Amino acid sequence: MNAPCPPLRILIVDDEAPARRRLRDVLADCADQLRTEVVGEADNGLDALERAQQHPVDAVLLDIRMPGMDGLECAAHLNRMTSPPAIIFSTAYDAYACQAFDLNAVDYLVKPVRADRLVRALSRAHRLQAAALDQLREAHPKARTHLSLNEKGRIVLIPVADILYLKAELKYVTVRTAAREFLIEESLTNLEAEFGDAFLRIHRNCLVARLRVREIGKLAGDEDGHFLRLDGLDERLVVSRRQYSVLREMLRSA
């Protein structure tokens, strides 16, 4: 006789307590159709990431609209885990706005969640494809609050507010904070498009935090060479001739 399948381990993420209780109740109502175990709850994206790394999770019921880190950003970070959980979004969006989910074969639940729809979603839950997630973020654009990478089996979050510069090097981008450097596999062009209001291009391969510019100057012995320094960092960054006048005007008007 075959042993029964273990219950599906569920993490519920929603910033509203009534919505989390509703999902728990609906899961309980579905017990005869699908065995599940709620292994945790979170009311924000950061807490969800921490909980997902502390205890094994098979699927995350993830609200999209949350303050700070929204569900789409949280899903992108969860996807970097060594064994990412399946993601099922819950949303109050109307049918038109949900077309992006349908087109990318990403499962979602429209609030209030119905039992039959939840069972169907969990029964076919699967890991999100990175390309599909990128397209969802294009359909619902919002700049991330954090960058992330998988480091020694754990997700490391880098607050965008702490980043001093982003420098492209081969297929990687070096992310520099006051504390240390990180290497991420992202495009500098895409990062500039996403965070253009917060960063300035000083060279074809480097973006710097706009509010951290402390000093610009001329390189000794180089008629056209210029450098820049940032608050919290002694390193001198090379500024291209083209960008120098832009930076000088910015500092004059600050």
C-alpha atoms as a PDB file:
ATOM      1  CA  MET A   1       0.000   0.000   0.000  1.00  0.00           C
ATOM      2  CA  ASN A   2       1.372   3.404  -1.007  1.00  0.00           C
ATOM      3  CA  ALA A   3       2.080   5.902   1.751  1.00  0.00           C
ATOM      4  CA  PRO A   4      -0.046   9.074   1.577  1.00  0.00           C
ATOM      5  CA  CYS A   5       1.593  12.109   0.028  1.00  0.00           C
ATOM      6  CA  PRO A   6       2.924  14.568   2.604  1.00  0.00           C
ATOM      7  CA  PRO A   7       0.917  17.776   2.980  1.00  0.00           C
ATOM      8  CA  LEU A   8       1.788  20.739   0.803  1.00  0.00           C
ATOM      9  CA  ARG A   9       3.658  23.244   2.971  1.00  0.00           C
ATOM     10  CA  ILE A  10       2.142  26.716   2.510  1.00  0.00           C
ATOM     11  CA  LEU A  11       3.396  30.196   3.416  1.00  0.00           C
ATOM     12  CA  ILE A  12       0.672  32.874   3.427  1.00  0.00           C
ATOM     13  CA  VAL A  13       1.801  36.436   2.678  1.00  0.00           C
ATOM     14  CA  ASP A  14      -0.608  39.377   2.851  1.00  0.00           C
ATOM     15  CA  ASP A  15      -0.381  42.736   4.610  1.00  0.00           C
ATOM     16  CA  GLU A  16      -4.015  42.451   5.772  1.00  0.00           C
ATOM     17  CA  ALA A  17      -4.772  40.075   8.656  1.00  0.00           C
ATOM     18  CA  PRO A  18      -8.383  39.364   7.512  1.00  0.00           C
ATOM     19  CA  ALA A  19      -7.072  38.228   4.126  1.00  0.00           C
ATOM     20  CA  ARG A  20      -4.607  35.839   5.787  1.00  0.00           C
ATOM     21  CA  ARG A  21      -7.391  34.424   7.988  1.00  0.00           C
ATOM     22  CA  ARG A  22      -9.595  33.994   4.910  1.00  0.00           C
ATOM     23  CA  LEU A  23      -6.895  31.939   3.188  1.00  0.00           C
ATOM     24  CA  ARG A  24      -6.419  29.761   6.281  1.00  0.00           C
ATOM     25  CA  ASP A  25     -10.179  29.124   6.442  1.00  0.00           C
ATOM     26  CA  VAL A  26     -10.398  28.273   2.750  1.00  0.00           C
ATOM     27  CA  LEU A  27      -7.433  25.904   3.038  1.00  0.00           C
ATOM     28  CA  ALA A  28      -9.180  24.169   5.944  1.00  0.00           C
ATOM     29  CA  ASP A  29     -12.331  23.818   3.841  1.00  0.00           C
ATOM     30  CA  CYS A  30     -10.268  22.144   1.103  1.00  0.00           C
ATOM     31  CA  ALA A  31      -8.679  19.544   3.433  1.00  0.00           C
ATOM     32  CA  ASP A  32     -10.637  16.612   1.951  1.00  0.00           C
ATOM     33  CA  GLN A  33      -9.445  17.496  -1.571  1.00  0.00           C
ATOM     34  CA  LEU A  34      -5.857  18.532  -0.912  1.00  0.00           C
ATOM     35  CA  ARG A  35      -3.664  18.033   2.146  1.00  0.00           C
ATOM     36  CA  THR A  36      -1.924  21.244   3.144  1.00  0.00           C
ATOM     37  CA  GLU A  37      -0.039  22.612   6.138  1.00  0.00           C
ATOM     38  CA  VAL A  38       0.315  26.332   6.793  1.00  0.00           C
ATOM     39  CA  VAL A  39       3.915  26.603   7.960  1.00  0.00           C
ATOM     40  CA  GLY A  40       3.900  30.380   8.440  1.00  0.00           C
ATOM     41  CA  GLU A  41       2.430  33.787   7.733  1.00  0.00           C
ATOM     42  CA  ALA A  42       4.003  37.120   6.842  1.00  0.00           C
ATOM     43  CA  ASP A  43       2.580  40.598   6.410  1.00  0.00           C
ATOM     44  CA  ASN A  44       5.376  41.966   4.207  1.00  0.00           C
ATOM     45  CA  GLY A  45       7.867  40.851   1.567  1.00  0.00           C
ATOM     46  CA  LEU A  46      10.966  41.034   3.773  1.00  0.00           C
ATOM     47  CA  ASP A  47       9.433  38.842   6.464  1.00  0.00           C
ATOM     48  CA  ALA A  48       8.223  36.403   3.805  1.00  0.00           C
ATOM     49  CA  LEU A  49      11.755  35.955   2.462  1.00  0.00           C
ATOM     50  CA  GLU A  50      13.127  35.338   5.941  1.00  0.00           C
ATOM     51  CA  ARG A  51      10.453  32.779   6.777  1.00  0.00           C
ATOM     52  CA  ALA A  52      10.863  30.956   3.467  1.00  0.00           C
ATOM     53  CA  GLN A  53      14.561  30.497   4.235  1.00  0.00           C
ATOM     54  CA  GLN A  54      14.032  29.406   7.821  1.00  0.00           C
ATOM     55  CA  HIS A  55      11.591  26.570   7.084  1.00  0.00           C
ATOM     56  CA  PRO A  56      10.979  24.467   3.951  1.00  0.00           C
ATOM     57  CA  VAL A  57       8.081  25.816   1.890  1.00  0.00           C
ATOM     58  CA  ASP A  58       6.436  24.171  -1.123  1.00  0.00           C
ATOM     59  CA  ALA A  59       4.174  27.051  -2.181  1.00  0.00           C
ATOM     60  CA  VAL A  60       3.687  30.716  -1.301  1.00  0.00           C
ATOM     61  CA  LEU A  61       0.297  32.401  -1.486  1.00  0.00           C
ATOM     62  CA  LEU A  62       1.566  35.893  -2.178  1.00  0.00           C
ATOM     63  CA  ASP A  63      -0.360  39.157  -2.193  1.00  0.00           C
ATOM     64  CA  ILE A  64       0.767  41.572  -4.898  1.00  0.00           C
ATOM     65  CA  ARG A  65      -0.077  44.961  -3.438  1.00  0.00           C
ATOM     66  CA  MET A  66       1.889  45.407  -0.212  1.00  0.00           C
ATOM     67  CA  PRO A  67       3.665  48.496   1.116  1.00  0.00           C
ATOM     68  CA  GLY A  68       7.427  48.564   0.613  1.00  0.00           C
ATOM     69  CA  MET A  69       8.430  45.364  -1.145  1.00  0.00           C
ATOM     70  CA  ASP A  70       5.441  44.247  -3.213  1.00  0.00           C
ATOM     71  CA  GLY A  71       4.596  40.690  -4.195  1.00  0.00           C
ATOM     72  CA  LEU A  72       6.249  40.783  -7.601  1.00  0.00           C
ATOM     73  CA  GLU A  73       9.567  41.904  -6.116  1.00  0.00           C
ATOM     74  CA  CYS A  74       9.301  39.358  -3.317  1.00  0.00           C
ATOM     75  CA  ALA A  75       8.693  36.621  -5.904  1.00  0.00           C
ATOM     76  CA  ALA A  76      11.817  37.653  -7.821  1.00  0.00           C
ATOM     77  CA  HIS A  77      13.933  37.285  -4.675  1.00  0.00           C
ATOM     78  CA  LEU A  78      12.272  33.963  -3.751  1.00  0.00           C
ATOM     79  CA  ASN A  79      13.137  32.722  -7.231  1.00  0.00           C
ATOM     80  CA  ARG A  80      16.846  33.036  -6.389  1.00  0.00           C
ATOM     81  CA  MET A  81      16.588  30.379  -3.677  1.00  0.00           C
ATOM     82  CA  THR A  82      18.405  27.109  -4.338  1.00  0.00           C
ATOM     83  CA  SER A  83      15.027  25.310  -4.296  1.00  0.00           C
ATOM     84  CA  PRO A  84      12.452  28.037  -4.994  1.00  0.00           C
ATOM     85  CA  PRO A  85       8.869  27.496  -3.842  1.00  0.00           C
ATOM     86  CA  ALA A  86       5.917  27.623  -6.218  1.00  0.00           C
ATOM     87  CA  ILE A  87       4.300  31.058  -6.307  1.00  0.00           C
ATOM     88  CA  ILE A  88       0.569  31.733  -6.501  1.00  0.00           C
ATOM     89  CA  PHE A  89      -0.319  35.413  -6.472  1.00  0.00           C
ATOM     90  CA  SER A  90      -3.450  36.757  -4.835  1.00  0.00           C
ATOM     91  CA  THR A  91      -4.807  40.012  -6.151  1.00  0.00           C
ATOM     92  CA  ALA A  92      -7.734  42.387  -6.113  1.00  0.00           C
ATOM     93  CA  TYR A  93      -6.936  43.451  -9.704  1.00  0.00           C
ATOM     94  CA  ASP A  94      -9.757  43.404 -12.237  1.00  0.00           C
ATOM     95  CA  ALA A  95      -9.943  40.975 -15.166  1.00  0.00           C
ATOM     96  CA  TYR A  96      -8.229  43.356 -17.592  1.00  0.00           C
ATOM     97  CA  ALA A  97      -5.191  43.817 -15.339  1.00  0.00           C
ATOM     98  CA  CYS A  98      -4.920  40.026 -14.884  1.00  0.00           C
ATOM     99  CA  GLN A  99      -4.329  39.467 -18.601  1.00  0.00           C
ATOM    100  CA  ALA A 100      -0.575  39.686 -18.001  1.00  0.00           C
ATOM    101  CA  PHE A 101      -0.824  36.709 -15.659  1.00  0.00           C
ATOM    102  CA  ASP A 102      -2.859  34.691 -18.151  1.00  0.00           C
ATOM    103  CA  LEU A 103      -0.489  35.439 -21.015  1.00  0.00           C
ATOM    104  CA  ASN A 104       2.500  34.273 -18.977  1.00  0.00           C
ATOM    105  CA  ALA A 105       0.830  31.119 -17.607  1.00  0.00           C
ATOM    106  CA  VAL A 106       1.273  32.359 -14.052  1.00  0.00           C
ATOM    107  CA  ASP A 107      -1.401  31.301 -11.589  1.00  0.00           C
ATOM    108  CA  TYR A 108      -3.222  33.874  -9.511  1.00  0.00           C
ATOM    109  CA  LEU A 109      -6.233  34.100  -7.225  1.00  0.00           C
ATOM    110  CA  VAL A 110      -8.691  36.972  -7.349  1.00  0.00           C
ATOM    111  CA  LYS A 111      -9.938  38.104  -3.937  1.00  0.00           C
ATOM    112  CA  PRO A 112     -12.135  36.963  -2.302  1.00  0.00           C
ATOM    113  CA  VAL A 113     -10.554  33.562  -2.887  1.00  0.00           C
ATOM    114  CA  ARG A 114     -12.865  30.636  -3.679  1.00  0.00           C
ATOM    115  CA  ALA A 115     -12.142  27.105  -2.443  1.00  0.00           C
ATOM    116  CA  ASP A 116     -12.364  25.403  -5.845  1.00  0.00           C
ATOM    117  CA  ARG A 117     -10.064  27.961  -7.435  1.00  0.00           C
ATOM    118  CA  LEU A 118      -7.523  27.606  -4.624  1.00  0.00           C
ATOM    119  CA  VAL A 119      -7.454  23.797  -4.921  1.00  0.00           C
ATOM    120  CA  ARG A 120      -6.928  24.038  -8.671  1.00  0.00           C
ATOM    121  CA  ALA A 121      -4.108  26.547  -8.273  1.00  0.00           C
ATOM    122  CA  LEU A 122      -2.302  24.536  -5.607  1.00  0.00           C
ATOM    123  CA  SER A 123      -2.740  21.276  -7.536  1.00  0.00           C
ATOM    124  CA  ARG A 124      -0.769  22.672 -10.470  1.00  0.00           C
ATOM    125  CA  ALA A 125       1.551  25.002  -8.557  1.00  0.00           C
ATOM    126  CA  HIS A 126       4.967  25.279 -10.139  1.00  0.00           C
ATOM    127  CA  ARG A 127       8.107  27.359  -9.992  1.00  0.00           C
ATOM    128  CA  LEU A 128       7.889  30.714 -11.780  1.00  0.00           C
ATOM    129  CA  GLN A 129      10.018  31.140 -14.879  1.00  0.00           C
ATOM    130  CA  ALA A 130      12.304  34.165 -14.609  1.00  0.00           C
ATOM    131  CA  ALA A 131      11.237  35.451 -18.048  1.00  0.00           C
ATOM    132  CA  ALA A 132       7.556  35.323 -17.079  1.00  0.00           C
ATOM    133  CA  LEU A 133       8.259  37.229 -13.878  1.00  0.00           C
ATOM    134  CA  ASP A 134      10.168  39.904 -15.811  1.00  0.00           C
ATOM    135  CA  GLN A 135       7.172  40.364 -18.114  1.00  0.00           C
ATOM    136  CA  LEU A 136       4.821  40.648 -15.146  1.00  0.00           C
ATOM    137  CA  ARG A 137       6.979  43.381 -13.672  1.00  0.00           C
ATOM    138  CA  GLU A 138       6.870  45.221 -17.012  1.00  0.00           C
ATOM    139  CA  ALA A 139       3.067  45.030 -16.946  1.00  0.00           C
ATOM    140  CA  HIS A 140       2.950  46.293 -13.336  1.00  0.00           C
ATOM    141  CA  PRO A 141       6.062  48.528 -13.164  1.00  0.00           C
ATOM    142  CA  LYS A 142       7.470  49.504  -9.809  1.00  0.00           C
ATOM    143  CA  ALA A 143      11.150  49.930  -8.966  1.00  0.00           C
ATOM    144  CA  ARG A 144      12.493  47.331  -6.556  1.00  0.00           C
ATOM    145  CA  THR A 145      13.414  48.270  -3.010  1.00  0.00           C
ATOM    146  CA  HIS A 146      16.226  45.698  -2.929  1.00  0.00           C
ATOM    147  CA  LEU A 147      18.598  43.856  -5.241  1.00  0.00           C
ATOM    148  CA  SER A 148      19.439  40.273  -4.324  1.00  0.00           C
ATOM    149  CA  LEU A 149      21.800  37.385  -4.934  1.00  0.00           C
ATOM    150  CA  ASN A 150      22.210  33.814  -3.738  1.00  0.00           C
ATOM    151  CA  GLU A 151      25.314  33.659  -1.566  1.00  0.00           C
ATOM    152  CA  LYS A 152      26.311  30.321  -0.020  1.00  0.00           C
ATOM    153  CA  GLY A 153      22.763  29.033  -0.279  1.00  0.00           C
ATOM    154  CA  ARG A 154      21.059  32.074   1.247  1.00  0.00           C
ATOM    155  CA  ILE A 155      19.350  35.060  -0.329  1.00  0.00           C
ATOM    156  CA  VAL A 156      21.248  38.269   0.439  1.00  0.00           C
ATOM    157  CA  LEU A 157      19.209  41.452   0.057  1.00  0.00           C
ATOM    158  CA  ILE A 158      20.878  44.747  -0.854  1.00  0.00           C
ATOM    159  CA  PRO A 159      18.740  47.822  -0.067  1.00  0.00           C
ATOM    160  CA  VAL A 160      18.776  50.125  -3.087  1.00  0.00           C
ATOM    161  CA  ALA A 161      19.028  53.082  -0.675  1.00  0.00           C
ATOM    162  CA  ASP A 162      22.431  51.738   0.522  1.00  0.00           C
ATOM    163  CA  ILE A 163      23.985  51.409  -2.943  1.00  0.00           C
ATOM    164  CA  LEU A 164      26.771  53.876  -3.746  1.00  0.00           C
ATOM    165  CA  TYR A 165      27.534  52.733  -7.273  1.00  0.00           C
ATOM    166  CA  LEU A 166      26.817  50.061  -9.878  1.00  0.00           C
ATOM    167  CA  LYS A 167      29.676  49.125 -12.199  1.00  0.00           C
ATOM    168  CA  ALA A 168      29.475  46.749 -15.170  1.00  0.00           C
ATOM    169  CA  GLU A 169      32.307  44.231 -15.419  1.00  0.00           C
ATOM    170  CA  LEU A 170      31.996  41.565 -18.136  1.00  0.00           C
ATOM    171  CA  LYS A 171      28.688  39.749 -17.551  1.00  0.00           C
ATOM    172  CA  TYR A 172      28.382  40.922 -13.925  1.00  0.00           C
ATOM    173  CA  VAL A 173      27.577  44.188 -12.185  1.00  0.00           C
ATOM    174  CA  THR A 174      29.497  45.165  -9.065  1.00  0.00           C
ATOM    175  CA  VAL A 175      27.184  46.649  -6.449  1.00  0.00           C
ATOM    176  CA  ARG A 176      29.069  48.807  -3.949  1.00  0.00           C
ATOM    177  CA  THR A 177      27.745  49.829  -0.561  1.00  0.00           C
ATOM    178  CA  ALA A 178      29.671  51.500   2.243  1.00  0.00           C
ATOM    179  CA  ALA A 179      30.118  48.080   3.847  1.00  0.00           C
ATOM    180  CA  ARG A 180      31.170  45.829   0.940  1.00  0.00           C
ATOM    181  CA  GLU A 181      30.902  44.794  -2.707  1.00  0.00           C
ATOM    182  CA  PHE A 182      28.472  42.310  -4.270  1.00  0.00           C
ATOM    183  CA  LEU A 183      28.401  40.733  -7.725  1.00  0.00           C
ATOM    184  CA  ILE A 184      25.037  40.330  -9.439  1.00  0.00           C
ATOM    185  CA  GLU A 185      24.051  39.019 -12.864  1.00  0.00           C
ATOM    186  CA  GLU A 186      21.985  41.904 -14.171  1.00  0.00           C
ATOM    187  CA  SER A 187      22.238  44.388 -17.014  1.00  0.00           C
ATOM    188  CA  LEU A 188      23.510  47.876 -16.173  1.00  0.00           C
ATOM    189  CA  THR A 189      21.223  49.253 -18.886  1.00  0.00           C
ATOM    190  CA  ASN A 190      18.184  47.618 -17.262  1.00  0.00           C
ATOM    191  CA  LEU A 191      19.220  48.864 -13.827  1.00  0.00           C
ATOM    192  CA  GLU A 192      19.533  52.405 -15.188  1.00  0.00           C
ATOM    193  CA  ALA A 193      16.054  52.162 -16.726  1.00  0.00           C
ATOM    194  CA  GLU A 194      14.599  50.935 -13.434  1.00  0.00           C
ATOM    195  CA  PHE A 195      16.427  53.277 -11.042  1.00  0.00           C
ATOM    196  CA  GLY A 196      17.243  56.217 -13.312  1.00  0.00           C
ATOM    197  CA  ASP A 197      15.818  58.779 -10.905  1.00  0.00           C
ATOM    198  CA  ALA A 198      18.185  57.686  -8.136  1.00  0.00           C
ATOM    199  CA  PHE A 199      21.386  57.064 -10.123  1.00  0.00           C
ATOM    200  CA  LEU A 200      23.540  59.026 -12.557  1.00  0.00           C
ATOM    201  CA  ARG A 201      25.699  57.606 -15.331  1.00  0.00           C
ATOM    202  CA  ILE A 202      29.266  58.882 -14.998  1.00  0.00           C
ATOM    203  CA  HIS A 203      30.824  56.484 -17.490  1.00  0.00           C
ATOM    204  CA  ARG A 204      29.586  53.922 -19.999  1.00  0.00           C
ATOM    205  CA  ASN A 205      30.110  51.214 -17.357  1.00  0.00           C
ATOM    206  CA  CYS A 206      29.195  53.016 -14.116  1.00  0.00           C
ATOM    207  CA  LEU A 207      26.163  54.495 -12.351  1.00  0.00           C
ATOM    208  CA  VAL A 208      26.443  56.384  -9.048  1.00  0.00           C
ATOM    209  CA  ALA A 209      23.871  57.301  -6.410  1.00  0.00           C
ATOM    210  CA  ARG A 210      22.723  60.823  -7.247  1.00  0.00           C
ATOM    211  CA  LEU A 211      22.415  61.972  -3.628  1.00  0.00           C
ATOM    212  CA  ARG A 212      25.819  60.560  -2.614  1.00  0.00           C
ATOM    213  CA  VAL A 213      27.988  62.669  -4.939  1.00  0.00           C
ATOM    214  CA  ARG A 214      30.463  64.522  -2.721  1.00  0.00           C
ATOM    215  CA  GLU A 215      33.162  65.876  -5.033  1.00  0.00           C
ATOM    216  CA  ILE A 216      34.262  65.989  -8.632  1.00  0.00           C
ATOM    217  CA  GLY A 217      37.762  66.918  -9.688  1.00  0.00           C
ATOM    218  CA  LYS A 218      40.442  66.808 -12.358  1.00  0.00           C
ATOM    219  CA  LEU A 219      42.950  63.983 -12.637  1.00  0.00           C
ATOM    220  CA  ALA A 220      46.530  65.249 -12.358  1.00  0.00           C
ATOM    221  CA  GLY A 221      48.416  65.152 -15.625  1.00  0.00           C
ATOM    222  CA  ASP A 222      45.326  64.310 -17.685  1.00  0.00           C
ATOM    223  CA  GLU A 223      43.847  67.291 -19.516  1.00  0.00           C
ATOM    224  CA  ASP A 224      40.487  65.619 -20.158  1.00  0.00           C
ATOM    225  CA  GLY A 225      40.409  63.264 -17.168  1.00  0.00           C
ATOM    226  CA  HIS A 226      38.077  63.766 -14.238  1.00  0.00           C
ATOM    227  CA  PHE A 227      37.097  61.829 -11.132  1.00  0.00           C
ATOM    228  CA  LEU A 228      34.274  61.694  -8.625  1.00  0.00           C
ATOM    229  CA  ARG A 229      34.026  60.814  -4.940  1.00  0.00           C
ATOM    230  CA  LEU A 230      30.954  59.618  -3.083  1.00  0.00           C
ATOM    231  CA  ASP A 231      29.939  60.053   0.555  1.00  0.00           C
ATOM    232  CA  GLY A 232      31.103  57.079   2.587  1.00  0.00           C
ATOM    233  CA  LEU A 233      33.753  55.993   0.066  1.00  0.00           C
ATOM    234  CA  ASP A 234      37.349  57.166  -0.509  1.00  0.00           C
ATOM    235  CA  GLU A 235      37.629  55.467  -3.906  1.00  0.00           C
ATOM    236  CA  ARG A 236      37.986  57.799  -6.901  1.00  0.00           C
ATOM    237  CA  LEU A 237      35.687  56.905  -9.799  1.00  0.00           C
ATOM    238  CA  VAL A 238      36.556  57.936 -13.347  1.00  0.00           C
ATOM    239  CA  VAL A 239      34.099  60.356 -14.972  1.00  0.00           C
ATOM    240  CA  SER A 240      33.850  60.450 -18.751  1.00  0.00           C
ATOM    241  CA  ARG A 241      34.406  63.737 -20.536  1.00  0.00           C
ATOM    242  CA  ARG A 242      30.819  63.652 -21.784  1.00  0.00           C
ATOM    243  CA  GLN A 243      29.329  63.324 -18.298  1.00  0.00           C
ATOM    244  CA  TYR A 244      31.605  65.770 -16.508  1.00  0.00           C
ATOM    245  CA  SER A 245      29.701  68.922 -17.508  1.00  0.00           C
ATOM    246  CA  VAL A 246      26.399  67.305 -16.487  1.00  0.00           C
ATOM    247  CA  LEU A 247      27.766  66.496 -13.035  1.00  0.00           C
ATOM    248  CA  ARG A 248      29.315  69.940 -12.617  1.00  0.00           C
ATOM    249  CA  GLU A 249      25.995  71.644 -13.371  1.00  0.00           C
ATOM    250  CA  MET A 250      24.205  69.315 -10.994  1.00  0.00           C
ATOM    251  CA  LEU A 251      26.549  70.177  -8.136  1.00  0.00           C
ATOM    252  CA  ARG A 252      26.304  73.914  -8.847  1.00  0.00           C
ATOM    253  CA  SER A 253      22.506  73.826  -8.652  1.00  0.00           C
ATOM    254  CA  ALA A 254      22.405  71.619  -5.537  1.00  0.00           C
END
